[in-house]
Amino acid sequence: MGVFSLYHKKNRELQSQIQFIALEDLVPQDHILWAIDRTIDFNFIYDEVKDLYSAYDAGRPGIDPVSLFKIVFNVYCTN
């Protein structure tokens, strides 16, 4: 009975409340990351990592290398 007493039924009404937020609303236009995004073309990363990704479509798809780089770069720039 102890395990089941910890379970709380989720409020299904909240699932119907979807909120769409644009990135532009979260990050000010004068933020340094916008300037970096406008200045640097990150597509060179695809050529740099092309030999690191499998040519076969087996298994789970890999993470987009540009997106992964931008995540790490963002953490580096903001810490």
PDB file of N, CA and C in Angstrom:
ATOM      1  N   MET A   1       0.822  -1.201   0.000  1.00  0.00           N
ATOM      2  CA  MET A   1       0.000   0.000   0.000  1.00  0.00           C
ATOM      3  C   MET A   1       0.863   1.261   0.000  1.00  0.00           C
ATOM      4  N   GLY A   2       2.074   1.216   0.543  1.00  0.00           N
ATOM      5  CA  GLY A   2       2.939   2.376   0.607  1.00  0.00           C
ATOM      6  C   GLY A   2       3.308   2.919  -0.758  1.00  0.00           C
ATOM      7  N   VAL A   3       3.592   2.040  -1.724  1.00  0.00           N
ATOM      8  CA  VAL A   3       3.964   2.473  -3.063  1.00  0.00           C
ATOM      9  C   VAL A   3       2.797   3.144  -3.752  1.00  0.00           C
ATOM     10  N   PHE A   4       1.631   2.578  -3.618  1.00  0.00           N
ATOM     11  CA  PHE A   4       0.460   3.128  -4.298  1.00  0.00           C
ATOM     12  C   PHE A   4      -0.009   4.433  -3.683  1.00  0.00           C
ATOM     13  N   SER A   5       0.296   4.664  -2.413  1.00  0.00           N
ATOM     14  CA  SER A   5      -0.134   5.917  -1.785  1.00  0.00           C
ATOM     15  C   SER A   5       0.668   7.109  -2.293  1.00  0.00           C
ATOM     16  N   LEU A   6       1.857   6.853  -2.905  1.00  0.00           N
ATOM     17  CA  LEU A   6       2.664   7.936  -3.447  1.00  0.00           C
ATOM     18  C   LEU A   6       2.196   8.378  -4.831  1.00  0.00           C
ATOM     19  N   TYR A   7       1.396   7.560  -5.470  1.00  0.00           N
ATOM     20  CA  TYR A   7       0.936   7.859  -6.825  1.00  0.00           C
ATOM     21  C   TYR A   7      -0.203   8.868  -6.777  1.00  0.00           C
ATOM     22  N   HIS A   8      -0.081   9.918  -7.563  1.00  0.00           N
ATOM     23  CA  HIS A   8      -1.137  10.910  -7.678  1.00  0.00           C
ATOM     24  C   HIS A   8      -1.589  10.957  -9.121  1.00  0.00           C
ATOM     25  N   LYS A   9      -2.867  10.914  -9.328  1.00  0.00           N
ATOM     26  CA  LYS A   9      -3.389  10.982 -10.692  1.00  0.00           C
ATOM     27  C   LYS A   9      -3.098  12.366 -11.265  1.00  0.00           C
ATOM     28  N   LYS A  10      -2.580  12.378 -12.486  1.00  0.00           N
ATOM     29  CA  LYS A  10      -2.262  13.645 -13.142  1.00  0.00           C
ATOM     30  C   LYS A  10      -3.540  14.371 -13.546  1.00  0.00           C
ATOM     31  N   ASN A  11      -3.447  15.684 -13.486  1.00  0.00           N
ATOM     32  CA  ASN A  11      -4.571  16.506 -13.903  1.00  0.00           C
ATOM     33  C   ASN A  11      -4.550  16.587 -15.430  1.00  0.00           C
ATOM     34  N   ARG A  12      -5.449  15.887 -16.083  1.00  0.00           N
ATOM     35  CA  ARG A  12      -5.468  15.824 -17.545  1.00  0.00           C
ATOM     36  C   ARG A  12      -5.936  17.135 -18.175  1.00  0.00           C
ATOM     37  N   GLU A  13      -6.566  18.007 -17.421  1.00  0.00           N
ATOM     38  CA  GLU A  13      -7.009  19.293 -17.965  1.00  0.00           C
ATOM     39  C   GLU A  13      -5.822  20.172 -18.336  1.00  0.00           C
ATOM     40  N   LEU A  14      -4.722  20.054 -17.611  1.00  0.00           N
ATOM     41  CA  LEU A  14      -3.544  20.873 -17.886  1.00  0.00           C
ATOM     42  C   LEU A  14      -2.859  20.465 -19.191  1.00  0.00           C
ATOM     43  N   GLN A  15      -3.078  19.234 -19.644  1.00  0.00           N
ATOM     44  CA  GLN A  15      -2.449  18.784 -20.870  1.00  0.00           C
ATOM     45  C   GLN A  15      -2.990  19.514 -22.092  1.00  0.00           C
ATOM     46  N   SER A  16      -4.177  20.040 -22.008  1.00  0.00           N
ATOM     47  CA  SER A  16      -4.765  20.738 -23.151  1.00  0.00           C
ATOM     48  C   SER A  16      -4.285  22.187 -23.253  1.00  0.00           C
ATOM     49  N   GLN A  17      -3.549  22.644 -22.269  1.00  0.00           N
ATOM     50  CA  GLN A  17      -3.039  24.010 -22.277  1.00  0.00           C
ATOM     51  C   GLN A  17      -1.644  24.023 -22.881  1.00  0.00           C
ATOM     52  N   ILE A  18      -1.570  24.336 -24.155  1.00  0.00           N
ATOM     53  CA  ILE A  18      -0.299  24.380 -24.859  1.00  0.00           C
ATOM     54  C   ILE A  18       0.081  25.836 -25.086  1.00  0.00           C
ATOM     55  N   GLN A  19       1.325  26.138 -24.816  1.00  0.00           N
ATOM     56  CA  GLN A  19       1.808  27.498 -25.000  1.00  0.00           C
ATOM     57  C   GLN A  19       2.966  27.473 -25.983  1.00  0.00           C
ATOM     58  N   PHE A  20       2.873  28.273 -27.018  1.00  0.00           N
ATOM     59  CA  PHE A  20       3.947  28.389 -28.003  1.00  0.00           C
ATOM     60  C   PHE A  20       4.761  29.634 -27.689  1.00  0.00           C
ATOM     61  N   ILE A  21       6.063  29.446 -27.603  1.00  0.00           N
ATOM     62  CA  ILE A  21       6.952  30.552 -27.283  1.00  0.00           C
ATOM     63  C   ILE A  21       8.016  30.626 -28.367  1.00  0.00           C
ATOM     64  N   ALA A  22       8.207  31.801 -28.917  1.00  0.00           N
ATOM     65  CA  ALA A  22       9.240  32.010 -29.925  1.00  0.00           C
ATOM     66  C   ALA A  22      10.561  32.312 -29.236  1.00  0.00           C
ATOM     67  N   LEU A  23      11.638  31.818 -29.809  1.00  0.00           N
ATOM     68  CA  LEU A  23      12.968  32.062 -29.253  1.00  0.00           C
ATOM     69  C   LEU A  23      13.254  33.557 -29.160  1.00  0.00           C
ATOM     70  N   GLU A  24      12.750  34.307 -30.108  1.00  0.00           N
ATOM     71  CA  GLU A  24      12.953  35.756 -30.115  1.00  0.00           C
ATOM     72  C   GLU A  24      12.331  36.421 -28.892  1.00  0.00           C
ATOM     73  N   ASP A  25      11.291  35.797 -28.317  1.00  0.00           N
ATOM     74  CA  ASP A  25      10.659  36.349 -27.121  1.00  0.00           C
ATOM     75  C   ASP A  25      11.461  36.055 -25.858  1.00  0.00           C
ATOM     76  N   LEU A  26      12.317  35.047 -25.895  1.00  0.00           N
ATOM     77  CA  LEU A  26      13.074  34.654 -24.711  1.00  0.00           C
ATOM     78  C   LEU A  26      14.456  35.297 -24.641  1.00  0.00           C
ATOM     79  N   VAL A  27      15.059  35.544 -25.804  1.00  0.00           N
ATOM     80  CA  VAL A  27      16.418  36.091 -25.853  1.00  0.00           C
ATOM     81  C   VAL A  27      16.358  37.497 -26.446  1.00  0.00           C
ATOM     82  N   PRO A  28      16.841  38.498 -25.729  1.00  0.00           N
ATOM     83  CA  PRO A  28      16.813  39.870 -26.255  1.00  0.00           C
ATOM     84  C   PRO A  28      17.588  39.976 -27.569  1.00  0.00           C
ATOM     85  N   GLN A  29      17.117  40.834 -28.474  1.00  0.00           N
ATOM     86  CA  GLN A  29      17.740  40.984 -29.793  1.00  0.00           C
ATOM     87  C   GLN A  29      19.173  41.512 -29.721  1.00  0.00           C
ATOM     88  N   ASP A  30      19.535  42.197 -28.637  1.00  0.00           N
ATOM     89  CA  ASP A  30      20.897  42.715 -28.524  1.00  0.00           C
ATOM     90  C   ASP A  30      21.843  41.735 -27.816  1.00  0.00           C
ATOM     91  N   HIS A  31      21.392  40.509 -27.576  1.00  0.00           N
ATOM     92  CA  HIS A  31      22.228  39.501 -26.920  1.00  0.00           C
ATOM     93  C   HIS A  31      23.352  39.068 -27.852  1.00  0.00           C
ATOM     94  N   ILE A  32      24.511  38.773 -27.280  1.00  0.00           N
ATOM     95  CA  ILE A  32      25.696  38.415 -28.062  1.00  0.00           C
ATOM     96  C   ILE A  32      25.469  37.175 -28.930  1.00  0.00           C
ATOM     97  N   LEU A  33      24.640  36.242 -28.488  1.00  0.00           N
ATOM     98  CA  LEU A  33      24.412  35.024 -29.262  1.00  0.00           C
ATOM     99  C   LEU A  33      23.697  35.303 -30.580  1.00  0.00           C
ATOM    100  N   TRP A  34      22.854  36.330 -30.627  1.00  0.00           N
ATOM    101  CA  TRP A  34      22.218  36.697 -31.901  1.00  0.00           C
ATOM    102  C   TRP A  34      23.272  37.227 -32.875  1.00  0.00           C
ATOM    103  N   ALA A  35      24.192  38.025 -32.368  1.00  0.00           N
ATOM    104  CA  ALA A  35      25.260  38.562 -33.223  1.00  0.00           C
ATOM    105  C   ALA A  35      26.129  37.428 -33.750  1.00  0.00           C
ATOM    106  N   ILE A  36      26.436  36.463 -32.901  1.00  0.00           N
ATOM    107  CA  ILE A  36      27.224  35.311 -33.338  1.00  0.00           C
ATOM    108  C   ILE A  36      26.470  34.531 -34.404  1.00  0.00           C
ATOM    109  N   ASP A  37      25.182  34.316 -34.199  1.00  0.00           N
ATOM    110  CA  ASP A  37      24.375  33.548 -35.154  1.00  0.00           C
ATOM    111  C   ASP A  37      24.291  34.243 -36.507  1.00  0.00           C
ATOM    112  N   ARG A  38      24.232  35.576 -36.502  1.00  0.00           N
ATOM    113  CA  ARG A  38      24.187  36.324 -37.767  1.00  0.00           C
ATOM    114  C   ARG A  38      25.544  36.356 -38.461  1.00  0.00           C
ATOM    115  N   THR A  39      26.623  36.258 -37.705  1.00  0.00           N
ATOM    116  CA  THR A  39      27.966  36.427 -38.244  1.00  0.00           C
ATOM    117  C   THR A  39      28.604  35.125 -38.724  1.00  0.00           C
ATOM    118  N   ILE A  40      28.418  34.047 -37.979  1.00  0.00           N
ATOM    119  CA  ILE A  40      29.110  32.787 -38.274  1.00  0.00           C
ATOM    120  C   ILE A  40      28.175  31.812 -38.971  1.00  0.00           C
ATOM    121  N   ASP A  41      28.645  31.256 -40.077  1.00  0.00           N
ATOM    122  CA  ASP A  41      27.925  30.190 -40.766  1.00  0.00           C
ATOM    123  C   ASP A  41      28.459  28.866 -40.233  1.00  0.00           C
ATOM    124  N   PHE A  42      27.677  28.190 -39.433  1.00  0.00           N
ATOM    125  CA  PHE A  42      28.106  26.973 -38.768  1.00  0.00           C
ATOM    126  C   PHE A  42      28.031  25.733 -39.660  1.00  0.00           C
ATOM    127  N   ASN A  43      27.675  25.884 -40.916  1.00  0.00           N
ATOM    128  CA  ASN A  43      27.551  24.730 -41.810  1.00  0.00           C
ATOM    129  C   ASN A  43      28.887  24.045 -42.089  1.00  0.00           C
ATOM    130  N   PHE A  44      30.003  24.701 -41.805  1.00  0.00           N
ATOM    131  CA  PHE A  44      31.314  24.059 -41.989  1.00  0.00           C
ATOM    132  C   PHE A  44      31.455  22.829 -41.099  1.00  0.00           C
ATOM    133  N   ILE A  45      30.684  22.778 -40.021  1.00  0.00           N
ATOM    134  CA  ILE A  45      30.779  21.659 -39.082  1.00  0.00           C
ATOM    135  C   ILE A  45      30.385  20.344 -39.757  1.00  0.00           C
ATOM    136  N   TYR A  46      29.428  20.395 -40.681  1.00  0.00           N
ATOM    137  CA  TYR A  46      29.015  19.165 -41.367  1.00  0.00           C
ATOM    138  C   TYR A  46      30.185  18.515 -42.092  1.00  0.00           C
ATOM    139  N   ASP A  47      31.013  19.309 -42.753  1.00  0.00           N
ATOM    140  CA  ASP A  47      32.182  18.765 -43.445  1.00  0.00           C
ATOM    141  C   ASP A  47      33.211  18.216 -42.457  1.00  0.00           C
ATOM    142  N   GLU A  48      33.339  18.879 -41.325  1.00  0.00           N
ATOM    143  CA  GLU A  48      34.323  18.456 -40.330  1.00  0.00           C
ATOM    144  C   GLU A  48      33.985  17.101 -39.707  1.00  0.00           C
ATOM    145  N   VAL A  49      32.704  16.781 -39.590  1.00  0.00           N
ATOM    146  CA  VAL A  49      32.308  15.557 -38.878  1.00  0.00           C
ATOM    147  C   VAL A  49      31.733  14.479 -39.788  1.00  0.00           C
ATOM    148  N   LYS A  50      31.736  14.689 -41.085  1.00  0.00           N
ATOM    149  CA  LYS A  50      31.065  13.749 -41.983  1.00  0.00           C
ATOM    150  C   LYS A  50      31.615  12.328 -41.878  1.00  0.00           C
ATOM    151  N   ASP A  51      32.896  12.169 -41.591  1.00  0.00           N
ATOM    152  CA  ASP A  51      33.479  10.832 -41.464  1.00  0.00           C
ATOM    153  C   ASP A  51      33.210  10.189 -40.107  1.00  0.00           C
ATOM    154  N   LEU A  52      32.640  10.942 -39.184  1.00  0.00           N
ATOM    155  CA  LEU A  52      32.358  10.420 -37.850  1.00  0.00           C
ATOM    156  C   LEU A  52      30.964   9.817 -37.733  1.00  0.00           C
ATOM    157  N   TYR A  53      30.123  10.042 -38.742  1.00  0.00           N
ATOM    158  CA  TYR A  53      28.757   9.531 -38.726  1.00  0.00           C
ATOM    159  C   TYR A  53      28.648   8.340 -39.673  1.00  0.00           C
ATOM    160  N   SER A  54      27.845   7.380 -39.285  1.00  0.00           N
ATOM    161  CA  SER A  54      27.666   6.171 -40.081  1.00  0.00           C
ATOM    162  C   SER A  54      26.909   6.486 -41.367  1.00  0.00           C
ATOM    163  N   ALA A  55      27.294   5.822 -42.449  1.00  0.00           N
ATOM    164  CA  ALA A  55      26.606   5.995 -43.725  1.00  0.00           C
ATOM    165  C   ALA A  55      25.329   5.160 -43.783  1.00  0.00           C
ATOM    166  N   TYR A  56      25.162   4.258 -42.830  1.00  0.00           N
ATOM    167  CA  TYR A  56      23.982   3.395 -42.800  1.00  0.00           C
ATOM    168  C   TYR A  56      22.872   4.061 -42.001  1.00  0.00           C
ATOM    169  N   ASP A  57      21.650   3.737 -42.359  1.00  0.00           N
ATOM    170  CA  ASP A  57      20.502   4.299 -41.654  1.00  0.00           C
ATOM    171  C   ASP A  57      20.017   3.383 -40.542  1.00  0.00           C
ATOM    172  N   ALA A  58      20.859   2.485 -40.077  1.00  0.00           N
ATOM    173  CA  ALA A  58      20.480   1.567 -39.010  1.00  0.00           C
ATOM    174  C   ALA A  58      20.601   2.266 -37.655  1.00  0.00           C
ATOM    175  N   GLY A  59      19.759   1.888 -36.735  1.00  0.00           N
ATOM    176  CA  GLY A  59      19.832   2.433 -35.383  1.00  0.00           C
ATOM    177  C   GLY A  59      19.150   3.779 -35.257  1.00  0.00           C
ATOM    178  N   ARG A  60      19.380   4.394 -34.144  1.00  0.00           N
ATOM    179  CA  ARG A  60      18.768   5.689 -33.857  1.00  0.00           C
ATOM    180  C   ARG A  60      19.489   6.784 -34.624  1.00  0.00           C
ATOM    181  N   PRO A  61      18.766   7.797 -35.040  1.00  0.00           N
ATOM    182  CA  PRO A  61      19.430   8.895 -35.756  1.00  0.00           C
ATOM    183  C   PRO A  61      20.351   9.671 -34.815  1.00  0.00           C
ATOM    184  N   GLY A  62      21.436  10.163 -35.360  1.00  0.00           N
ATOM    185  CA  GLY A  62      22.373  10.942 -34.565  1.00  0.00           C
ATOM    186  C   GLY A  62      21.857  12.347 -34.299  1.00  0.00           C
ATOM    187  N   ILE A  63      22.459  12.997 -33.340  1.00  0.00           N
ATOM    188  CA  ILE A  63      22.124  14.388 -33.050  1.00  0.00           C
ATOM    189  C   ILE A  63      22.760  15.259 -34.125  1.00  0.00           C
ATOM    190  N   ASP A  64      22.022  16.228 -34.596  1.00  0.00           N
ATOM    191  CA  ASP A  64      22.545  17.141 -35.610  1.00  0.00           C
ATOM    192  C   ASP A  64      23.813  17.800 -35.069  1.00  0.00           C
ATOM    193  N   PRO A  65      24.948  17.647 -35.773  1.00  0.00           N
ATOM    194  CA  PRO A  65      26.215  18.158 -35.237  1.00  0.00           C
ATOM    195  C   PRO A  65      26.237  19.673 -35.046  1.00  0.00           C
ATOM    196  N   VAL A  66      25.555  20.416 -35.899  1.00  0.00           N
ATOM    197  CA  VAL A  66      25.519  21.871 -35.734  1.00  0.00           C
ATOM    198  C   VAL A  66      24.736  22.230 -34.476  1.00  0.00           C
ATOM    199  N   SER A  67      23.616  21.578 -34.259  1.00  0.00           N
ATOM    200  CA  SER A  67      22.832  21.844 -33.049  1.00  0.00           C
ATOM    201  C   SER A  67      23.622  21.486 -31.799  1.00  0.00           C
ATOM    202  N   LEU A  68      24.310  20.350 -31.838  1.00  0.00           N
ATOM    203  CA  LEU A  68      25.111  19.932 -30.694  1.00  0.00           C
ATOM    204  C   LEU A  68      26.228  20.938 -30.416  1.00  0.00           C
ATOM    205  N   PHE A  69      26.904  21.386 -31.465  1.00  0.00           N
ATOM    206  CA  PHE A  69      27.968  22.379 -31.290  1.00  0.00           C
ATOM    207  C   PHE A  69      27.409  23.673 -30.708  1.00  0.00           C
ATOM    208  N   LYS A  70      26.252  24.106 -31.209  1.00  0.00           N
ATOM    209  CA  LYS A  70      25.665  25.361 -30.719  1.00  0.00           C
ATOM    210  C   LYS A  70      25.276  25.260 -29.249  1.00  0.00           C
ATOM    211  N   ILE A  71      24.830  24.095 -28.822  1.00  0.00           N
ATOM    212  CA  ILE A  71      24.483  23.919 -27.411  1.00  0.00           C
ATOM    213  C   ILE A  71      25.730  24.072 -26.543  1.00  0.00           C
ATOM    214  N   VAL A  72      26.789  23.373 -26.919  1.00  0.00           N
ATOM    215  CA  VAL A  72      28.039  23.448 -26.145  1.00  0.00           C
ATOM    216  C   VAL A  72      28.631  24.852 -26.203  1.00  0.00           C
ATOM    217  N   PHE A  73      28.588  25.470 -27.379  1.00  0.00           N
ATOM    218  CA  PHE A  73      29.104  26.824 -27.540  1.00  0.00           C
ATOM    219  C   PHE A  73      28.316  27.826 -26.704  1.00  0.00           C
ATOM    220  N   ASN A  74      27.008  27.646 -26.660  1.00  0.00           N
ATOM    221  CA  ASN A  74      26.146  28.513 -25.841  1.00  0.00           C
ATOM    222  C   ASN A  74      26.508  28.404 -24.365  1.00  0.00           C
ATOM    223  N   VAL A  75      26.699  27.183 -23.892  1.00  0.00           N
ATOM    224  CA  VAL A  75      27.078  26.994 -22.485  1.00  0.00           C
ATOM    225  C   VAL A  75      28.424  27.660 -22.211  1.00  0.00           C
ATOM    226  N   TYR A  76      29.369  27.483 -23.131  1.00  0.00           N
ATOM    227  CA  TYR A  76      30.691  28.095 -22.968  1.00  0.00           C
ATOM    228  C   TYR A  76      30.591  29.633 -22.922  1.00  0.00           C
ATOM    229  N   CYS A  77      29.793  30.205 -23.808  1.00  0.00           N
ATOM    230  CA  CYS A  77      29.696  31.673 -23.886  1.00  0.00           C
ATOM    231  C   CYS A  77      28.932  32.281 -22.711  1.00  0.00           C
ATOM    232  N   THR A  78      28.041  31.540 -22.114  1.00  0.00           N
ATOM    233  CA  THR A  78      27.186  32.118 -21.073  1.00  0.00           C
ATOM    234  C   THR A  78      27.641  31.753 -19.667  1.00  0.00           C
ATOM    235  N   ASN A  79      28.717  31.008 -19.544  1.00  0.00           N
ATOM    236  CA  ASN A  79      29.249  30.675 -18.197  1.00  0.00           C
ATOM    237  C   ASN A  79      30.549  31.380 -17.939  1.00  0.00           C
TER     238      ASN A  79
END
